[in-house]
C-alpha atoms as a PDB file:
ATOM      1  CA  MET A   1     -99.150 134.891 -28.627  1.00  0.00           C
ATOM      2  CA  GLU A   2    -102.249 132.922 -29.478  1.00  0.00           C
ATOM      3  CA  GLN A   3    -103.107 135.495 -32.261  1.00  0.00           C
ATOM      4  CA  ALA A   4     -99.635 135.257 -33.708  1.00  0.00           C
ATOM      5  CA  ILE A   5     -99.792 131.586 -33.923  1.00  0.00           C
ATOM      6  CA  LYS A   6    -103.261 131.703 -35.431  1.00  0.00           C
ATOM      7  CA  GLY A   7    -101.810 134.099 -38.205  1.00  0.00           C
ATOM      8  CA  LYS A   8     -98.924 131.747 -38.782  1.00  0.00           C
ATOM      9  CA  VAL A   9    -101.447 128.833 -39.166  1.00  0.00           C
ATOM     10  CA  PHE A  10    -103.623 130.831 -41.545  1.00  0.00           C
ATOM     11  CA  GLU A  11    -100.567 131.694 -43.885  1.00  0.00           C
ATOM     12  CA  SER A  12     -99.711 128.088 -44.207  1.00  0.00           C
ATOM     13  CA  VAL A  13    -103.316 127.333 -45.337  1.00  0.00           C
ATOM     14  CA  VAL A  14    -103.713 129.913 -48.189  1.00  0.00           C
ATOM     15  CA  PRO A  15    -101.355 128.502 -50.914  1.00  0.00           C
ATOM     16  CA  ARG A  16    -102.768 125.006 -50.888  1.00  0.00           C
ATOM     17  CA  ALA A  17    -106.391 126.089 -50.356  1.00  0.00           C
ATOM     18  CA  THR A  18    -106.212 128.718 -53.081  1.00  0.00           C
ATOM     19  CA  LYS A  19    -104.733 126.165 -55.441  1.00  0.00           C
ATOM     20  CA  LEU A  20    -107.592 123.734 -54.716  1.00  0.00           C
ATOM     21  CA  PHE A  21    -110.248 126.335 -55.204  1.00  0.00           C
ATOM     22  CA  ARG A  22    -108.718 127.567 -58.588  1.00  0.00           C
ATOM     23  CA  GLU A  23    -108.360 124.113 -60.006  1.00  0.00           C
ATOM     24  CA  HIS A  24    -111.561 122.263 -58.624  1.00  0.00           C
ATOM     25  CA  GLY A  25    -114.043 125.210 -57.674  1.00  0.00           C
ATOM     26  CA  PHE A  26    -116.293 125.278 -54.449  1.00  0.00           C
ATOM     27  CA  LYS A  27    -116.995 121.340 -54.484  1.00  0.00           C
ATOM     28  CA  GLY A  28    -113.361 120.457 -54.613  1.00  0.00           C
ATOM     29  CA  LEU A  29    -112.504 122.770 -51.860  1.00  0.00           C
ATOM     30  CA  GLY A  30    -115.256 121.346 -49.582  1.00  0.00           C
ATOM     31  CA  LEU A  31    -114.448 117.819 -50.355  1.00  0.00           C
ATOM     32  CA  ALA A  32    -110.671 118.280 -49.832  1.00  0.00           C
ATOM     33  CA  ALA A  33    -111.310 119.823 -46.337  1.00  0.00           C
ATOM     34  CA  MET A  34    -113.726 117.118 -45.293  1.00  0.00           C
ATOM     35  CA  GLU A  35    -111.505 114.257 -46.309  1.00  0.00           C
ATOM     36  CA  ALA A  36    -108.428 115.768 -44.697  1.00  0.00           C
ATOM     37  CA  MET A  37    -110.153 116.548 -41.526  1.00  0.00           C
ATOM     38  CA  ARG A  38    -111.845 113.171 -41.471  1.00  0.00           C
ATOM     39  CA  VAL A  39    -115.404 114.655 -41.508  1.00  0.00           C
ATOM     40  CA  GLU A  40    -118.185 112.205 -42.329  1.00  0.00           C
ATOM     41  CA  PRO A  41    -121.602 113.838 -43.072  1.00  0.00           C
ATOM     42  CA  LYS A  42    -124.332 111.339 -43.445  1.00  0.00           C
ATOM     43  CA  PHE A  43    -126.897 112.576 -45.880  1.00  0.00           C
ATOM     44  CA  VAL A  44    -130.301 111.380 -44.539  1.00  0.00           C
ATOM     45  CA  ARG A  45    -131.904 111.379 -47.907  1.00  0.00           C
ATOM     46  CA  GLU A  46    -129.297 109.632 -49.669  1.00  0.00           C
ATOM     47  CA  ALA A  47    -131.762 106.710 -50.645  1.00  0.00           C
ATOM     48  CA  ASP A  48    -134.586 109.233 -51.532  1.00  0.00           C
ATOM     49  CA  PRO A  49    -135.237 108.769 -55.334  1.00  0.00           C
ATOM     50  CA  LEU A  50    -136.451 112.513 -55.085  1.00  0.00           C
ATOM     51  CA  LEU A  51    -132.974 113.697 -53.844  1.00  0.00           C
ATOM     52  CA  LYS A  52    -131.476 113.562 -57.451  1.00  0.00           C
ATOM     53  CA  GLU A  53    -134.204 116.039 -58.598  1.00  0.00           C
ATOM     54  CA  ASP A  54    -133.747 118.207 -55.684  1.00  0.00           C
ATOM     55  CA  ARG A  55    -129.941 118.352 -56.244  1.00  0.00           C
ATOM     56  CA  HIS A  56    -130.455 119.212 -59.875  1.00  0.00           C
ATOM     57  CA  ARG A  57    -132.406 121.991 -58.918  1.00  0.00           C
ATOM     58  CA  LEU A  58    -129.892 123.161 -56.272  1.00  0.00           C
ATOM     59  CA  ASN A  59    -127.157 123.212 -58.906  1.00  0.00           C
ATOM     60  CA  THR A  60    -129.081 124.876 -61.554  1.00  0.00           C
ATOM     61  CA  GLU A  61    -131.726 127.262 -60.170  1.00  0.00           C
ATOM     62  CA  PRO A  62    -131.290 130.815 -58.763  1.00  0.00           C
ATOM     63  CA  GLY A  63    -131.933 131.615 -55.132  1.00  0.00           C
ATOM     64  CA  LEU A  64    -130.768 130.990 -51.601  1.00  0.00           C
ATOM     65  CA  ILE A  65    -129.080 128.300 -49.802  1.00  0.00           C
ATOM     66  CA  ILE A  66    -129.805 128.371 -46.009  1.00  0.00           C
ATOM     67  CA  ALA A  67    -128.920 126.305 -43.028  1.00  0.00           C
ATOM     68  CA  ASN A  68    -128.396 126.120 -39.263  1.00  0.00           C
ATOM     69  CA  HIS A  69    -124.964 126.711 -38.274  1.00  0.00           C
ATOM     70  CA  PRO A  70    -124.023 124.668 -35.225  1.00  0.00           C
ATOM     71  CA  GLY A  71    -120.207 124.059 -36.068  1.00  0.00           C
ATOM     72  CA  SER A  72    -117.165 124.648 -38.304  1.00  0.00           C
ATOM     73  CA  TYR A  73    -117.953 121.680 -40.693  1.00  0.00           C
ATOM     74  CA  ASP A  74    -121.377 122.923 -42.091  1.00  0.00           C
ATOM     75  CA  ALA A  75    -120.052 125.236 -44.663  1.00  0.00           C
ATOM     76  CA  PHE A  76    -117.676 122.661 -46.100  1.00  0.00           C
ATOM     77  CA  THR A  77    -120.477 120.003 -46.296  1.00  0.00           C
ATOM     78  CA  ILE A  78    -122.716 122.393 -48.360  1.00  0.00           C
ATOM     79  CA  LEU A  79    -119.674 123.331 -50.741  1.00  0.00           C
ATOM     80  CA  SER A  80    -118.942 119.707 -51.163  1.00  0.00           C
ATOM     81  CA  VAL A  81    -122.374 119.066 -52.955  1.00  0.00           C
ATOM     82  CA  LEU A  82    -122.216 122.194 -55.347  1.00  0.00           C
ATOM     83  CA  GLU A  83    -121.805 121.442 -58.900  1.00  0.00           C
ATOM     84  CA  ARG A  84    -121.815 125.053 -59.855  1.00  0.00           C
ATOM     85  CA  ASN A  85    -119.543 128.230 -59.207  1.00  0.00           C
ATOM     86  CA  ASP A  86    -122.023 130.961 -59.668  1.00  0.00           C
ATOM     87  CA  VAL A  87    -121.925 131.006 -56.119  1.00  0.00           C
ATOM     88  CA  LYS A  88    -121.775 133.949 -53.400  1.00  0.00           C
ATOM     89  CA  ILE A  89    -121.439 133.580 -49.777  1.00  0.00           C
ATOM     90  CA  VAL A  90    -122.678 136.059 -47.180  1.00  0.00           C
ATOM     91  CA  VAL A  91    -119.937 136.368 -44.379  1.00  0.00           C
ATOM     92  CA  ALA A  92    -119.130 138.478 -41.430  1.00  0.00           C
ATOM     93  CA  LYS A  93    -116.232 141.124 -42.114  1.00  0.00           C
ATOM     94  CA  LYS A  94    -113.730 138.739 -39.924  1.00  0.00           C
ATOM     95  CA  VAL A  95    -114.427 135.813 -42.226  1.00  0.00           C
ATOM     96  CA  PHE A  96    -114.259 137.841 -45.220  1.00  0.00           C
ATOM     97  CA  GLU A  97    -110.615 138.909 -44.418  1.00  0.00           C
ATOM     98  CA  LYS A  98    -109.742 135.168 -44.080  1.00  0.00           C
ATOM     99  CA  MET A  99    -111.453 133.761 -46.977  1.00  0.00           C
ATOM    100  CA  SER A 100    -110.787 136.282 -49.557  1.00  0.00           C
ATOM    101  CA  PRO A 101    -106.964 135.432 -49.901  1.00  0.00           C
ATOM    102  CA  ILE A 102    -108.127 131.929 -50.812  1.00  0.00           C
ATOM    103  CA  ILE A 103    -110.948 132.300 -53.129  1.00  0.00           C
ATOM    104  CA  GLY A 104    -110.933 135.972 -53.867  1.00  0.00           C
ATOM    105  CA  GLN A 105    -113.362 138.837 -52.933  1.00  0.00           C
ATOM    106  CA  GLU A 106    -115.738 138.245 -55.953  1.00  0.00           C
ATOM    107  CA  PRO A 107    -117.523 135.132 -54.450  1.00  0.00           C
ATOM    108  CA  LEU A 108    -118.071 136.819 -50.929  1.00  0.00           C
ATOM    109  CA  ILE A 109    -120.562 139.352 -49.673  1.00  0.00           C
ATOM    110  CA  SER A 110    -119.215 140.999 -46.559  1.00  0.00           C
ATOM    111  CA  VAL A 111    -121.490 142.223 -43.811  1.00  0.00           C
ATOM    112  CA  ASP A 112    -119.618 145.084 -42.183  1.00  0.00           C
ATOM    113  CA  ASP A 113    -122.308 145.880 -39.565  1.00  0.00           C
ATOM    114  CA  LYS A 114    -126.131 145.970 -39.242  1.00  0.00           C
ATOM    115  CA  GLY A 115    -126.468 149.636 -40.198  1.00  0.00           C
ATOM    116  CA  VAL A 116    -129.016 150.754 -42.773  1.00  0.00           C
ATOM    117  CA  ALA A 117    -126.337 151.426 -45.502  1.00  0.00           C
ATOM    118  CA  SER A 118    -124.564 148.265 -44.869  1.00  0.00           C
ATOM    119  CA  LEU A 119    -127.959 146.246 -45.082  1.00  0.00           C
ATOM    120  CA  ARG A 120    -129.078 148.161 -48.111  1.00  0.00           C
ATOM    121  CA  LYS A 121    -125.790 147.205 -49.874  1.00  0.00           C
ATOM    122  CA  LEU A 122    -126.211 143.475 -48.952  1.00  0.00           C
ATOM    123  CA  PHE A 123    -129.778 143.489 -50.302  1.00  0.00           C
ATOM    124  CA  HIS A 124    -128.676 144.938 -53.691  1.00  0.00           C
ATOM    125  CA  GLU A 125    -125.762 142.496 -54.027  1.00  0.00           C
ATOM    126  CA  VAL A 126    -128.006 139.529 -53.306  1.00  0.00           C
ATOM    127  CA  GLU A 127    -131.031 140.665 -55.483  1.00  0.00           C
ATOM    128  CA  ALA A 128    -128.486 141.323 -58.457  1.00  0.00           C
ATOM    129  CA  HIS A 129    -126.680 138.003 -58.227  1.00  0.00           C
ATOM    130  CA  ILE A 130    -129.794 135.950 -57.887  1.00  0.00           C
ATOM    131  CA  GLU A 131    -131.405 137.969 -60.856  1.00  0.00           C
ATOM    132  CA  SER A 132    -128.397 136.993 -63.020  1.00  0.00           C
ATOM    133  CA  GLY A 133    -129.186 133.372 -62.242  1.00  0.00           C
ATOM    134  CA  GLY A 134    -126.774 132.724 -59.409  1.00  0.00           C
ATOM    135  CA  VAL A 135    -127.259 131.218 -55.930  1.00  0.00           C
ATOM    136  CA  VAL A 136    -126.372 132.748 -52.391  1.00  0.00           C
ATOM    137  CA  ILE A 137    -125.376 130.841 -49.512  1.00  0.00           C
ATOM    138  CA  LEU A 138    -126.261 132.392 -45.970  1.00  0.00           C
ATOM    139  CA  PHE A 139    -126.918 131.310 -42.354  1.00  0.00           C
ATOM    140  CA  PRO A 140    -130.073 132.994 -41.280  1.00  0.00           C
ATOM    141  CA  SER A 141    -129.197 132.752 -37.561  1.00  0.00           C
ATOM    142  CA  GLY A 142    -126.038 134.904 -38.385  1.00  0.00           C
ATOM    143  CA  GLY A 143    -124.080 132.076 -36.525  1.00  0.00           C
ATOM    144  CA  ASN A 144    -125.883 132.872 -33.221  1.00  0.00           C
ATOM    145  CA  ASP A 145    -126.794 128.974 -32.917  1.00  0.00           C
ATOM    146  CA  HIS A 146    -123.227 128.758 -31.628  1.00  0.00           C
ATOM    147  CA  ARG A 147    -124.190 130.637 -28.582  1.00  0.00           C
ATOM    148  CA  ASP A 148    -127.989 131.005 -28.117  1.00  0.00           C
ATOM    149  CA  GLY A 149    -129.549 128.082 -29.811  1.00  0.00           C
ATOM    150  CA  PHE A 150    -131.021 128.165 -33.320  1.00  0.00           C
ATOM    151  CA  LYS A 151    -133.057 131.147 -34.400  1.00  0.00           C
ATOM    152  CA  PHE A 152    -133.498 133.442 -37.375  1.00  0.00           C
ATOM    153  CA  GLU A 153    -132.373 137.047 -37.370  1.00  0.00           C
ATOM    154  CA  GLN A 154    -134.718 139.693 -38.617  1.00  0.00           C
ATOM    155  CA  GLY A 155    -132.512 140.404 -41.555  1.00  0.00           C
ATOM    156  CA  PHE A 156    -133.416 137.123 -43.448  1.00  0.00           C
ATOM    157  CA  GLY A 157    -137.275 138.235 -43.623  1.00  0.00           C
ATOM    158  CA  ARG A 158    -136.620 141.838 -44.084  1.00  0.00           C
ATOM    159  CA  MET A 159    -133.675 141.845 -46.283  1.00  0.00           C
ATOM    160  CA  MET A 160    -133.245 138.482 -48.142  1.00  0.00           C
ATOM    161  CA  LEU A 161    -136.772 137.346 -49.086  1.00  0.00           C
ATOM    162  CA  PRO A 162    -137.712 140.618 -50.693  1.00  0.00           C
ATOM    163  CA  ALA A 163    -134.805 139.989 -53.081  1.00  0.00           C
ATOM    164  CA  LEU A 164    -136.417 136.744 -54.353  1.00  0.00           C
ATOM    165  CA  ARG A 165    -139.206 136.105 -56.957  1.00  0.00           C
ATOM    166  CA  PRO A 166    -141.832 133.657 -55.635  1.00  0.00           C
ATOM    167  CA  THR A 167    -140.668 130.852 -57.732  1.00  0.00           C
ATOM    168  CA  ASP A 168    -136.928 131.370 -56.749  1.00  0.00           C
ATOM    169  CA  MET A 169    -135.295 128.644 -54.796  1.00  0.00           C
ATOM    170  CA  VAL A 170    -134.740 128.461 -51.111  1.00  0.00           C
ATOM    171  CA  TYR A 171    -132.748 125.185 -50.531  1.00  0.00           C
ATOM    172  CA  ALA A 172    -132.342 124.342 -46.753  1.00  0.00           C
ATOM    173  CA  PHE A 173    -129.929 122.216 -45.089  1.00  0.00           C
ATOM    174  CA  GLN A 174    -130.293 120.955 -41.519  1.00  0.00           C
ATOM    175  CA  PHE A 175    -127.321 119.787 -39.540  1.00  0.00           C
ATOM    176  CA  ASP A 176    -127.786 117.691 -36.252  1.00  0.00           C
ATOM    177  CA  ALA A 177    -126.320 120.055 -33.677  1.00  0.00           C
ATOM    178  CA  LEU A 178    -125.597 117.308 -30.990  1.00  0.00           C
ATOM    179  CA  GLN A 179    -123.809 115.135 -33.414  1.00  0.00           C
ATOM    180  CA  MET A 180    -121.760 117.921 -34.835  1.00  0.00           C
ATOM    181  CA  GLN A 181    -120.786 118.923 -31.353  1.00  0.00           C
ATOM    182  CA  MET A 182    -119.533 115.450 -30.888  1.00  0.00           C
ATOM    183  CA  ALA A 183    -117.670 115.259 -34.214  1.00  0.00           C
ATOM    184  CA  ARG A 184    -115.943 118.504 -33.301  1.00  0.00           C
ATOM    185  CA  GLN A 185    -114.804 117.029 -29.814  1.00  0.00           C
ATOM    186  CA  GLY A 186    -113.055 114.200 -31.873  1.00  0.00           C
ATOM    187  CA  ARG A 187    -110.496 116.643 -32.907  1.00  0.00           C
ATOM    188  CA  LEU A 188    -106.913 116.247 -31.466  1.00  0.00           C
ATOM    189  CA  MET A 189    -106.175 120.032 -32.053  1.00  0.00           C
ATOM    190  CA  SER A 190    -107.927 123.340 -32.056  1.00  0.00           C
ATOM    191  CA  LYS A 191    -110.094 124.323 -35.029  1.00  0.00           C
ATOM    192  CA  HIS A 192    -107.347 126.612 -36.552  1.00  0.00           C
ATOM    193  CA  LEU A 193    -104.611 124.026 -36.220  1.00  0.00           C
ATOM    194  CA  ASP A 194    -106.857 121.218 -37.389  1.00  0.00           C
ATOM    195  CA  ILE A 195    -107.943 123.102 -40.579  1.00  0.00           C
ATOM    196  CA  ALA A 196    -104.344 124.072 -41.188  1.00  0.00           C
ATOM    197  CA  SER A 197    -102.887 120.694 -40.898  1.00  0.00           C
ATOM    198  CA  ALA A 198    -105.830 119.429 -43.200  1.00  0.00           C
ATOM    199  CA  PHE A 199    -104.612 121.367 -45.976  1.00  0.00           C
ATOM    200  CA  VAL A 200    -100.822 121.601 -45.332  1.00  0.00           C
ATOM    201  CA  LEU A 201    -100.097 118.116 -44.221  1.00  0.00           C
ATOM    202  CA  PRO A 202    -103.296 116.031 -45.243  1.00  0.00           C
ATOM    203  CA  ASN A 203    -101.660 112.591 -45.199  1.00  0.00           C
ATOM    204  CA  LEU A 204    -100.372 113.224 -41.619  1.00  0.00           C
ATOM    205  CA  THR A 205    -103.735 114.643 -40.260  1.00  0.00           C
ATOM    206  CA  LYS A 206    -105.483 111.514 -41.701  1.00  0.00           C
ATOM    207  CA  ARG A 207    -103.243 109.253 -39.770  1.00  0.00           C
ATOM    208  CA  ILE A 208    -103.729 111.181 -36.585  1.00  0.00           C
ATOM    209  CA  HIS A 209    -107.698 111.095 -36.983  1.00  0.00           C
ATOM    210  CA  GLN A 210    -107.265 107.318 -37.236  1.00  0.00           C
ATOM    211  CA  LEU A 211    -105.964 106.954 -33.883  1.00  0.00           C
ATOM    212  CA  PRO A 212    -108.418 105.414 -31.306  1.00  0.00           C
ATOM    213  CA  GLY A 213    -110.765 108.000 -30.118  1.00  0.00           C
ATOM    214  CA  LEU A 214    -109.694 110.602 -32.389  1.00  0.00           C
ATOM    215  CA  SER A 215    -111.551 109.903 -35.676  1.00  0.00           C
ATOM    216  CA  ALA A 216    -114.306 112.416 -36.235  1.00  0.00           C
ATOM    217  CA  LYS A 217    -117.669 110.915 -35.527  1.00  0.00           C
ATOM    218  CA  PRO A 218    -120.262 111.147 -38.330  1.00  0.00           C
ATOM    219  CA  PHE A 219    -123.210 113.585 -38.178  1.00  0.00           C
ATOM    220  CA  GLU A 220    -126.479 113.685 -40.072  1.00  0.00           C
ATOM    221  CA  VAL A 221    -127.356 116.202 -42.752  1.00  0.00           C
ATOM    222  CA  ASN A 222    -130.888 116.701 -43.972  1.00  0.00           C
ATOM    223  CA  GLU A 223    -132.133 118.795 -46.785  1.00  0.00           C
ATOM    224  CA  ARG A 224    -135.264 120.203 -48.439  1.00  0.00           C
ATOM    225  CA  TYR A 225    -136.168 122.179 -51.703  1.00  0.00           C
ATOM    226  CA  THR A 226    -138.694 124.977 -51.264  1.00  0.00           C
ATOM    227  CA  GLU A 227    -139.764 127.943 -53.101  1.00  0.00           C
ATOM    228  CA  ALA A 228    -139.572 131.527 -51.897  1.00  0.00           C
ATOM    229  CA  ALA A 229    -143.237 132.086 -52.124  1.00  0.00           C
ATOM    230  CA  GLU A 230    -143.973 129.892 -49.048  1.00  0.00           C
ATOM    231  CA  TRP A 231    -141.405 131.727 -47.005  1.00  0.00           C
ATOM    232  CA  GLN A 232    -142.628 135.198 -48.293  1.00  0.00           C
ATOM    233  CA  GLN A 233    -146.183 134.462 -46.828  1.00  0.00           C
ATOM    234  CA  ILE A 234    -144.731 134.537 -43.337  1.00  0.00           C
ATOM    235  CA  PRO A 235    -144.605 138.261 -41.857  1.00  0.00           C
ATOM    236  CA  ALA A 236    -141.087 139.562 -42.499  1.00  0.00           C
ATOM    237  CA  LYS A 237    -140.577 140.627 -39.065  1.00  0.00           C
ATOM    238  CA  ASP A 238    -141.782 137.436 -37.335  1.00  0.00           C
ATOM    239  CA  VAL A 239    -138.563 135.665 -36.535  1.00  0.00           C
ATOM    240  CA  VAL A 240    -140.353 133.031 -34.398  1.00  0.00           C
ATOM    241  CA  ALA A 241    -142.535 131.944 -37.428  1.00  0.00           C
ATOM    242  CA  MET A 242    -139.475 132.073 -39.634  1.00  0.00           C
ATOM    243  CA  THR A 243    -137.578 129.739 -37.311  1.00  0.00           C
ATOM    244  CA  ASP A 244    -140.651 127.407 -36.802  1.00  0.00           C
ATOM    245  CA  HIS A 245    -141.117 127.065 -40.549  1.00  0.00           C
ATOM    246  CA  PHE A 246    -137.529 126.038 -41.066  1.00  0.00           C
ATOM    247  CA  LYS A 247    -137.750 123.565 -38.256  1.00  0.00           C
ATOM    248  CA  SER A 248    -141.118 122.209 -39.559  1.00  0.00           C
ATOM    249  CA  LEU A 249    -139.243 121.076 -42.762  1.00  0.00           C
ATOM    250  CA  PHE A 250    -137.178 118.622 -40.711  1.00  0.00           C
ATOM    251  CA  PRO A 251    -139.626 116.878 -38.127  1.00  0.00           C
ATOM    252  CA  GLY A 252    -137.661 115.579 -35.305  1.00  0.00           C
ATOM    253  CA  ALA A 253    -134.526 117.145 -36.029  1.00  0.00           C
ATOM    254  CA  ARG A 254    -131.935 118.375 -33.345  1.00  0.00           C
ATOM    255  CA  PHE A 255    -131.051 121.932 -33.190  1.00  0.00           C
ATOM    256  CA  ASP A 256    -129.609 122.302 -29.783  1.00  0.00           C
ATOM    257  CA  LYS A 257    -126.433 121.219 -28.406  1.00  0.00           C
ATOM    258  CA  LEU A 258    -125.807 119.822 -24.853  1.00  0.00           C
END
């Protein structure tokens, strides 16, 4: 029964979300989702005069966009600041099946499994897209910070970094894990129904989230521009050092939930 309900919910989302993406690209899709769901990211570096330059590089240079992955809002937040459409997103097969009807298969790179053939295919797709000037979004933890805390998987160092030239961009976003957890608890409905209502009945969803105690709480987002060279100095198999390097970009940041 639950799966049937989720299926119906997803079917209701597709037409409106597809229209948004076709008309306004990744940024429009991200902004619309956040506005309708009353998501309130607070960009830590908003007053930093150097942020303008970093965002320009984010939206013009080839490379990777990486982030920790503590909740369901982080991907929309990243999309909301992108002023480019030469974007590919590395996703699990189940996410590919849900997202491809909305944005098509071309912007998505599906990871079917962790076998050698699948990883080799992933490497070549990422390398070719970056060499053509594009950018690839991925979560180095593979989403595992939902369950096990934040830590890189080996695939990042062994498969992603070799696809980059030393001067290619590695743009890092950091989401406050505890604040995002609290923001998610501010939802009236489950994630699936909340997202569906945001696209299908946005005005009603806004009014619901304005009720006392139901408005989404803000969460902090930090970001840093780096080049691939500094990551490539770390041994590819050393996931602890990779994770620690990411954390060192954001001193004092929270990566763990309650």
